[in-house]
Amino acid sequence: MTASGEEAPGVHPRPPYGPPIHDAIAGNDLQHMKAVAEAARRALYGVDFAPVGPDRHGEVKQALDALEAAITRLDRAGGADG
């Protein structure tokens, strides 16, 4: 991966199954585990966004917090997928 977060030419990302997930679990590094889980979700559900610039970090974090709170509420209520 390049410094800008893009894949280097001819380099393909690892698939989100098997060793990457098991290696993350074995590594016992919480932040890495969360990052791998998020990457697997993006691969599973086809959701991808452009990187967030520092000037928008607070706005996106606040929106993400609201989304996570809504997910928690629905989960606890046995929402559509729960």
PDB file of N, CA and C in Angstrom:
ATOM      1  N   MET A   1       0.839  -1.160   0.000  1.00  0.00           N
ATOM      2  CA  MET A   1       0.000   0.000   0.000  1.00  0.00           C
ATOM      3  C   MET A   1       0.890   1.232   0.000  1.00  0.00           C
ATOM      4  N   THR A   2       0.476   2.281  -0.714  1.00  0.00           N
ATOM      5  CA  THR A   2       1.263   3.496  -0.768  1.00  0.00           C
ATOM      6  C   THR A   2       0.929   4.396   0.412  1.00  0.00           C
ATOM      7  N   ALA A   3       1.700   5.460   0.581  1.00  0.00           N
ATOM      8  CA  ALA A   3       1.473   6.395   1.689  1.00  0.00           C
ATOM      9  C   ALA A   3       0.100   7.037   1.598  1.00  0.00           C
ATOM     10  N   SER A   4      -0.461   7.141   0.405  1.00  0.00           N
ATOM     11  CA  SER A   4      -1.776   7.759   0.244  1.00  0.00           C
ATOM     12  C   SER A   4      -2.906   6.785   0.546  1.00  0.00           C
ATOM     13  N   GLY A   5      -2.569   5.544   0.885  1.00  0.00           N
ATOM     14  CA  GLY A   5      -3.599   4.566   1.206  1.00  0.00           C
ATOM     15  C   GLY A   5      -4.052   3.754   0.010  1.00  0.00           C
ATOM     16  N   GLU A   6      -3.463   3.989  -1.163  1.00  0.00           N
ATOM     17  CA  GLU A   6      -3.835   3.254  -2.365  1.00  0.00           C
ATOM     18  C   GLU A   6      -2.935   2.037  -2.511  1.00  0.00           C
ATOM     19  N   GLU A   7      -3.467   1.023  -3.168  1.00  0.00           N
ATOM     20  CA  GLU A   7      -2.674  -0.168  -3.436  1.00  0.00           C
ATOM     21  C   GLU A   7      -1.605   0.162  -4.469  1.00  0.00           C
ATOM     22  N   ALA A   8      -0.434  -0.374  -4.286  1.00  0.00           N
ATOM     23  CA  ALA A   8       0.631  -0.204  -5.261  1.00  0.00           C
ATOM     24  C   ALA A   8       0.243  -0.934  -6.540  1.00  0.00           C
ATOM     25  N   PRO A   9       0.677  -0.440  -7.699  1.00  0.00           N
ATOM     26  CA  PRO A   9       0.332  -1.108  -8.960  1.00  0.00           C
ATOM     27  C   PRO A   9       0.717  -2.580  -8.931  1.00  0.00           C
ATOM     28  N   GLY A  10      -0.192  -3.428  -9.365  1.00  0.00           N
ATOM     29  CA  GLY A  10       0.070  -4.857  -9.438  1.00  0.00           C
ATOM     30  C   GLY A  10      -0.063  -5.580  -8.107  1.00  0.00           C
ATOM     31  N   VAL A  11      -0.369  -4.861  -7.034  1.00  0.00           N
ATOM     32  CA  VAL A  11      -0.521  -5.476  -5.720  1.00  0.00           C
ATOM     33  C   VAL A  11      -2.003  -5.534  -5.379  1.00  0.00           C
ATOM     34  N   HIS A  12      -2.471  -6.700  -5.046  1.00  0.00           N
ATOM     35  CA  HIS A  12      -3.876  -6.875  -4.724  1.00  0.00           C
ATOM     36  C   HIS A  12      -4.034  -7.100  -3.229  1.00  0.00           C
ATOM     37  N   PRO A  13      -5.111  -6.559  -2.646  1.00  0.00           N
ATOM     38  CA  PRO A  13      -5.322  -6.778  -1.214  1.00  0.00           C
ATOM     39  C   PRO A  13      -5.598  -8.248  -0.917  1.00  0.00           C
ATOM     40  N   ARG A  14      -5.291  -8.635   0.308  1.00  0.00           N
ATOM     41  CA  ARG A  14      -5.554 -10.009   0.733  1.00  0.00           C
ATOM     42  C   ARG A  14      -7.051 -10.200   0.891  1.00  0.00           C
ATOM     43  N   PRO A  15      -7.546 -11.391   0.628  1.00  0.00           N
ATOM     44  CA  PRO A  15      -8.981 -11.646   0.825  1.00  0.00           C
ATOM     45  C   PRO A  15      -9.307 -11.642   2.320  1.00  0.00           C
ATOM     46  N   PRO A  16     -10.537 -11.248   2.684  1.00  0.00           N
ATOM     47  CA  PRO A  16     -10.897 -11.117   4.105  1.00  0.00           C
ATOM     48  C   PRO A  16     -11.354 -12.423   4.739  1.00  0.00           C
ATOM     49  N   TYR A  17     -10.608 -13.469   4.532  1.00  0.00           N
ATOM     50  CA  TYR A  17     -10.947 -14.731   5.167  1.00  0.00           C
ATOM     51  C   TYR A  17      -9.665 -15.509   5.403  1.00  0.00           C
ATOM     52  N   GLY A  18      -9.785 -16.527   6.205  1.00  0.00           N
ATOM     53  CA  GLY A  18      -8.627 -17.370   6.467  1.00  0.00           C
ATOM     54  C   GLY A  18      -7.541 -16.667   7.258  1.00  0.00           C
ATOM     55  N   PRO A  19      -6.301 -16.723   6.794  1.00  0.00           N
ATOM     56  CA  PRO A  19      -5.167 -16.220   7.575  1.00  0.00           C
ATOM     57  C   PRO A  19      -5.290 -14.779   8.077  1.00  0.00           C
ATOM     58  N   PRO A  20      -5.737 -13.807   7.289  1.00  0.00           N
ATOM     59  CA  PRO A  20      -5.772 -12.444   7.829  1.00  0.00           C
ATOM     60  C   PRO A  20      -6.619 -12.317   9.105  1.00  0.00           C
ATOM     61  N   ILE A  21      -7.760 -12.944   9.130  1.00  0.00           N
ATOM     62  CA  ILE A  21      -8.630 -12.861  10.303  1.00  0.00           C
ATOM     63  C   ILE A  21      -8.045 -13.664  11.455  1.00  0.00           C
ATOM     64  N   HIS A  22      -7.592 -14.858  11.183  1.00  0.00           N
ATOM     65  CA  HIS A  22      -7.014 -15.696  12.240  1.00  0.00           C
ATOM     66  C   HIS A  22      -5.724 -15.088  12.787  1.00  0.00           C
ATOM     67  N   ASP A  23      -4.924 -14.477  11.911  1.00  0.00           N
ATOM     68  CA  ASP A  23      -3.700 -13.811  12.359  1.00  0.00           C
ATOM     69  C   ASP A  23      -4.029 -12.622  13.258  1.00  0.00           C
ATOM     70  N   ALA A  24      -5.082 -11.888  12.924  1.00  0.00           N
ATOM     71  CA  ALA A  24      -5.490 -10.751  13.755  1.00  0.00           C
ATOM     72  C   ALA A  24      -5.915 -11.222  15.140  1.00  0.00           C
ATOM     73  N   ILE A  25      -6.664 -12.298  15.192  1.00  0.00           N
ATOM     74  CA  ILE A  25      -7.093 -12.854  16.483  1.00  0.00           C
ATOM     75  C   ILE A  25      -5.868 -13.280  17.283  1.00  0.00           C
ATOM     76  N   ALA A  26      -4.968 -14.002  16.657  1.00  0.00           N
ATOM     77  CA  ALA A  26      -3.779 -14.513  17.345  1.00  0.00           C
ATOM     78  C   ALA A  26      -2.872 -13.372  17.815  1.00  0.00           C
ATOM     79  N   GLY A  27      -2.855 -12.260  17.071  1.00  0.00           N
ATOM     80  CA  GLY A  27      -1.996 -11.143  17.423  1.00  0.00           C
ATOM     81  C   GLY A  27      -2.455 -10.409  18.676  1.00  0.00           C
ATOM     82  N   ASN A  28      -3.721 -10.547  19.021  1.00  0.00           N
ATOM     83  CA  ASN A  28      -4.276  -9.977  20.246  1.00  0.00           C
ATOM     84  C   ASN A  28      -4.073  -8.459  20.341  1.00  0.00           C
ATOM     85  N   ASP A  29      -4.047  -7.780  19.197  1.00  0.00           N
ATOM     86  CA  ASP A  29      -3.917  -6.320  19.137  1.00  0.00           C
ATOM     87  C   ASP A  29      -5.303  -5.779  18.793  1.00  0.00           C
ATOM     88  N   LEU A  30      -5.968  -5.159  19.777  1.00  0.00           N
ATOM     89  CA  LEU A  30      -7.356  -4.745  19.623  1.00  0.00           C
ATOM     90  C   LEU A  30      -7.562  -3.834  18.418  1.00  0.00           C
ATOM     91  N   GLN A  31      -6.713  -2.832  18.230  1.00  0.00           N
ATOM     92  CA  GLN A  31      -6.892  -1.908  17.111  1.00  0.00           C
ATOM     93  C   GLN A  31      -6.741  -2.625  15.769  1.00  0.00           C
ATOM     94  N   HIS A  32      -5.776  -3.531  15.682  1.00  0.00           N
ATOM     95  CA  HIS A  32      -5.603  -4.292  14.440  1.00  0.00           C
ATOM     96  C   HIS A  32      -6.811  -5.200  14.202  1.00  0.00           C
ATOM     97  N   MET A  33      -7.302  -5.822  15.264  1.00  0.00           N
ATOM     98  CA  MET A  33      -8.477  -6.693  15.139  1.00  0.00           C
ATOM     99  C   MET A  33      -9.679  -5.898  14.625  1.00  0.00           C
ATOM    100  N   LYS A  34      -9.877  -4.693  15.165  1.00  0.00           N
ATOM    101  CA  LYS A  34     -10.991  -3.853  14.718  1.00  0.00           C
ATOM    102  C   LYS A  34     -10.818  -3.448  13.260  1.00  0.00           C
ATOM    103  N   ALA A  35      -9.593  -3.134  12.864  1.00  0.00           N
ATOM    104  CA  ALA A  35      -9.333  -2.743  11.480  1.00  0.00           C
ATOM    105  C   ALA A  35      -9.595  -3.901  10.523  1.00  0.00           C
ATOM    106  N   VAL A  36      -9.165  -5.099  10.905  1.00  0.00           N
ATOM    107  CA  VAL A  36      -9.404  -6.276  10.058  1.00  0.00           C
ATOM    108  C   VAL A  36     -10.901  -6.562   9.971  1.00  0.00           C
ATOM    109  N   ALA A  37     -11.606  -6.446  11.087  1.00  0.00           N
ATOM    110  CA  ALA A  37     -13.056  -6.672  11.082  1.00  0.00           C
ATOM    111  C   ALA A  37     -13.752  -5.672  10.166  1.00  0.00           C
ATOM    112  N   GLU A  38     -13.340  -4.428  10.233  1.00  0.00           N
ATOM    113  CA  GLU A  38     -13.938  -3.399   9.387  1.00  0.00           C
ATOM    114  C   GLU A  38     -13.650  -3.675   7.912  1.00  0.00           C
ATOM    115  N   ALA A  39     -12.432  -4.077   7.598  1.00  0.00           N
ATOM    116  CA  ALA A  39     -12.086  -4.399   6.213  1.00  0.00           C
ATOM    117  C   ALA A  39     -12.919  -5.578   5.709  1.00  0.00           C
ATOM    118  N   ALA A  40     -13.141  -6.559   6.554  1.00  0.00           N
ATOM    119  CA  ALA A  40     -13.959  -7.709   6.161  1.00  0.00           C
ATOM    120  C   ALA A  40     -15.407  -7.281   5.922  1.00  0.00           C
ATOM    121  N   ARG A  41     -15.918  -6.383   6.770  1.00  0.00           N
ATOM    122  CA  ARG A  41     -17.289  -5.875   6.559  1.00  0.00           C
ATOM    123  C   ARG A  41     -17.394  -5.158   5.222  1.00  0.00           C
ATOM    124  N   ARG A  42     -16.398  -4.317   4.914  1.00  0.00           N
ATOM    125  CA  ARG A  42     -16.423  -3.601   3.632  1.00  0.00           C
ATOM    126  C   ARG A  42     -16.427  -4.590   2.470  1.00  0.00           C
ATOM    127  N   ALA A  43     -15.630  -5.630   2.576  1.00  0.00           N
ATOM    128  CA  ALA A  43     -15.563  -6.628   1.501  1.00  0.00           C
ATOM    129  C   ALA A  43     -16.877  -7.395   1.387  1.00  0.00           C
ATOM    130  N   LEU A  44     -17.478  -7.724   2.525  1.00  0.00           N
ATOM    131  CA  LEU A  44     -18.737  -8.483   2.510  1.00  0.00           C
ATOM    132  C   LEU A  44     -19.902  -7.675   1.955  1.00  0.00           C
ATOM    133  N   TYR A  45     -19.974  -6.421   2.353  1.00  0.00           N
ATOM    134  CA  TYR A  45     -21.158  -5.625   2.043  1.00  0.00           C
ATOM    135  C   TYR A  45     -20.947  -4.601   0.943  1.00  0.00           C
ATOM    136  N   GLY A  46     -19.765  -4.559   0.362  1.00  0.00           N
ATOM    137  CA  GLY A  46     -19.521  -3.671  -0.770  1.00  0.00           C
ATOM    138  C   GLY A  46     -19.620  -2.191  -0.429  1.00  0.00           C
ATOM    139  N   VAL A  47     -19.284  -1.835   0.805  1.00  0.00           N
ATOM    140  CA  VAL A  47     -19.317  -0.431   1.217  1.00  0.00           C
ATOM    141  C   VAL A  47     -17.885   0.074   1.271  1.00  0.00           C
ATOM    142  N   ASP A  48     -17.637   1.159   0.569  1.00  0.00           N
ATOM    143  CA  ASP A  48     -16.298   1.723   0.569  1.00  0.00           C
ATOM    144  C   ASP A  48     -16.428   3.235   0.437  1.00  0.00           C
ATOM    145  N   PHE A  49     -15.626   3.956   1.156  1.00  0.00           N
ATOM    146  CA  PHE A  49     -15.637   5.404   1.127  1.00  0.00           C
ATOM    147  C   PHE A  49     -14.236   5.912   0.829  1.00  0.00           C
ATOM    148  N   ALA A  50     -14.175   7.150   0.385  1.00  0.00           N
ATOM    149  CA  ALA A  50     -12.889   7.808   0.198  1.00  0.00           C
ATOM    150  C   ALA A  50     -12.297   8.097   1.578  1.00  0.00           C
ATOM    151  N   PRO A  51     -10.987   8.213   1.676  1.00  0.00           N
ATOM    152  CA  PRO A  51     -10.387   8.562   2.966  1.00  0.00           C
ATOM    153  C   PRO A  51     -10.924   9.899   3.472  1.00  0.00           C
ATOM    154  N   VAL A  52     -10.993  10.035   4.777  1.00  0.00           N
ATOM    155  CA  VAL A  52     -11.503  11.257   5.408  1.00  0.00           C
ATOM    156  C   VAL A  52     -10.328  12.184   5.703  1.00  0.00           C
ATOM    157  N   GLY A  53     -10.425  13.398   5.247  1.00  0.00           N
ATOM    158  CA  GLY A  53      -9.381  14.386   5.508  1.00  0.00           C
ATOM    159  C   GLY A  53      -9.453  14.896   6.932  1.00  0.00           C
ATOM    160  N   PRO A  54      -8.355  15.416   7.438  1.00  0.00           N
ATOM    161  CA  PRO A  54      -8.311  15.893   8.825  1.00  0.00           C
ATOM    162  C   PRO A  54      -9.349  16.977   9.112  1.00  0.00           C
ATOM    163  N   ASP A  55      -9.709  17.774   8.101  1.00  0.00           N
ATOM    164  CA  ASP A  55     -10.684  18.844   8.308  1.00  0.00           C
ATOM    165  C   ASP A  55     -12.105  18.320   8.499  1.00  0.00           C
ATOM    166  N   ARG A  56     -12.371  17.053   8.167  1.00  0.00           N
ATOM    167  CA  ARG A  56     -13.712  16.472   8.293  1.00  0.00           C
ATOM    168  C   ARG A  56     -13.761  15.365   9.337  1.00  0.00           C
ATOM    169  N   HIS A  57     -12.625  15.080   9.991  1.00  0.00           N
ATOM    170  CA  HIS A  57     -12.547  13.963  10.929  1.00  0.00           C
ATOM    171  C   HIS A  57     -13.615  14.053  12.020  1.00  0.00           C
ATOM    172  N   GLY A  58     -13.761  15.213  12.651  1.00  0.00           N
ATOM    173  CA  GLY A  58     -14.733  15.384  13.736  1.00  0.00           C
ATOM    174  C   GLY A  58     -16.157  15.150  13.270  1.00  0.00           C
ATOM    175  N   GLU A  59     -16.491  15.669  12.093  1.00  0.00           N
ATOM    176  CA  GLU A  59     -17.834  15.512  11.534  1.00  0.00           C
ATOM    177  C   GLU A  59     -18.152  14.043  11.264  1.00  0.00           C
ATOM    178  N   VAL A  60     -17.207  13.343  10.655  1.00  0.00           N
ATOM    179  CA  VAL A  60     -17.422  11.929  10.341  1.00  0.00           C
ATOM    180  C   VAL A  60     -17.478  11.097  11.614  1.00  0.00           C
ATOM    181  N   LYS A  61     -16.621  11.392  12.583  1.00  0.00           N
ATOM    182  CA  LYS A  61     -16.628  10.661  13.856  1.00  0.00           C
ATOM    183  C   LYS A  61     -17.963  10.835  14.562  1.00  0.00           C
ATOM    184  N   GLN A  62     -18.505  12.046  14.577  1.00  0.00           N
ATOM    185  CA  GLN A  62     -19.798  12.304  15.206  1.00  0.00           C
ATOM    186  C   GLN A  62     -20.911  11.528  14.489  1.00  0.00           C
ATOM    187  N   ALA A  63     -20.892  11.521  13.167  1.00  0.00           N
ATOM    188  CA  ALA A  63     -21.895  10.780  12.405  1.00  0.00           C
ATOM    189  C   ALA A  63     -21.760   9.281  12.647  1.00  0.00           C
ATOM    190  N   LEU A  64     -20.526   8.794  12.701  1.00  0.00           N
ATOM    191  CA  LEU A  64     -20.294   7.372  12.959  1.00  0.00           C
ATOM    192  C   LEU A  64     -20.788   6.994  14.358  1.00  0.00           C
ATOM    193  N   ASP A  65     -20.536   7.853  15.347  1.00  0.00           N
ATOM    194  CA  ASP A  65     -21.033   7.595  16.700  1.00  0.00           C
ATOM    195  C   ASP A  65     -22.559   7.483  16.699  1.00  0.00           C
ATOM    196  N   ALA A  66     -23.227   8.366  15.962  1.00  0.00           N
ATOM    197  CA  ALA A  66     -24.688   8.324  15.877  1.00  0.00           C
ATOM    198  C   ALA A  66     -25.153   7.035  15.195  1.00  0.00           C
ATOM    199  N   LEU A  67     -24.455   6.632  14.144  1.00  0.00           N
ATOM    200  CA  LEU A  67     -24.799   5.387  13.451  1.00  0.00           C
ATOM    201  C   LEU A  67     -24.635   4.185  14.370  1.00  0.00           C
ATOM    202  N   GLU A  68     -23.520   4.138  15.087  1.00  0.00           N
ATOM    203  CA  GLU A  68     -23.284   3.019  16.003  1.00  0.00           C
ATOM    204  C   GLU A  68     -24.323   2.978  17.118  1.00  0.00           C
ATOM    205  N   ALA A  69     -24.755   4.136  17.613  1.00  0.00           N
ATOM    206  CA  ALA A  69     -25.802   4.189  18.641  1.00  0.00           C
ATOM    207  C   ALA A  69     -27.125   3.664  18.082  1.00  0.00           C
ATOM    208  N   ALA A  70     -27.440   4.027  16.847  1.00  0.00           N
ATOM    209  CA  ALA A  70     -28.669   3.538  16.225  1.00  0.00           C
ATOM    210  C   ALA A  70     -28.614   2.028  16.015  1.00  0.00           C
ATOM    211  N   ILE A  71     -27.460   1.521  15.627  1.00  0.00           N
ATOM    212  CA  ILE A  71     -27.287   0.073  15.448  1.00  0.00           C
ATOM    213  C   ILE A  71     -27.480  -0.636  16.778  1.00  0.00           C
ATOM    214  N   THR A  72     -26.897  -0.092  17.842  1.00  0.00           N
ATOM    215  CA  THR A  72     -27.036  -0.688  19.177  1.00  0.00           C
ATOM    216  C   THR A  72     -28.500  -0.717  19.594  1.00  0.00           C
ATOM    217  N   ARG A  73     -29.227   0.392  19.373  1.00  0.00           N
ATOM    218  CA  ARG A  73     -30.658   0.432  19.729  1.00  0.00           C
ATOM    219  C   ARG A  73     -31.436  -0.643  18.983  1.00  0.00           C
ATOM    220  N   LEU A  74     -31.199  -0.755  17.678  1.00  0.00           N
ATOM    221  CA  LEU A  74     -31.913  -1.757  16.885  1.00  0.00           C
ATOM    222  C   LEU A  74     -31.536  -3.169  17.303  1.00  0.00           C
ATOM    223  N   ASP A  75     -30.258  -3.371  17.573  1.00  0.00           N
ATOM    224  CA  ASP A  75     -29.782  -4.689  18.027  1.00  0.00           C
ATOM    225  C   ASP A  75     -30.491  -5.103  19.310  1.00  0.00           C
ATOM    226  N   ARG A  76     -30.553  -4.190  20.264  1.00  0.00           N
ATOM    227  CA  ARG A  76     -31.184  -4.483  21.553  1.00  0.00           C
ATOM    228  C   ARG A  76     -32.680  -4.728  21.398  1.00  0.00           C
ATOM    229  N   ALA A  77     -33.297  -4.081  20.420  1.00  0.00           N
ATOM    230  CA  ALA A  77     -34.731  -4.223  20.199  1.00  0.00           C
ATOM    231  C   ALA A  77     -35.031  -5.425  19.298  1.00  0.00           C
ATOM    232  N   GLY A  78     -33.992  -6.149  18.878  1.00  0.00           N
ATOM    233  CA  GLY A  78     -34.201  -7.280  17.962  1.00  0.00           C
ATOM    234  C   GLY A  78     -34.557  -6.821  16.580  1.00  0.00           C
ATOM    235  N   GLY A  79     -33.861  -5.792  16.099  1.00  0.00           N
ATOM    236  CA  GLY A  79     -34.112  -5.163  14.797  1.00  0.00           C
ATOM    237  C   GLY A  79     -34.265  -6.128  13.647  1.00  0.00           C
ATOM    238  N   ALA A  80     -34.439  -5.576  12.475  1.00  0.00           N
ATOM    239  CA  ALA A  80     -34.733  -6.336  11.269  1.00  0.00           C
ATOM    240  C   ALA A  80     -33.749  -7.470  10.993  1.00  0.00           C
ATOM    241  N   ASP A  81     -32.483  -7.271  11.366  1.00  0.00           N
ATOM    242  CA  ASP A  81     -31.477  -8.295  11.098  1.00  0.00           C
ATOM    243  C   ASP A  81     -31.083  -9.003  12.386  1.00  0.00           C
ATOM    244  N   GLY A  82     -31.750  -8.696  13.505  1.00  0.00           N
ATOM    245  CA  GLY A  82     -31.352  -9.277  14.777  1.00  0.00           C
ATOM    246  C   GLY A  82     -32.319 -10.151  15.320  1.00  0.00           C
TER     247      GLY A  82
END
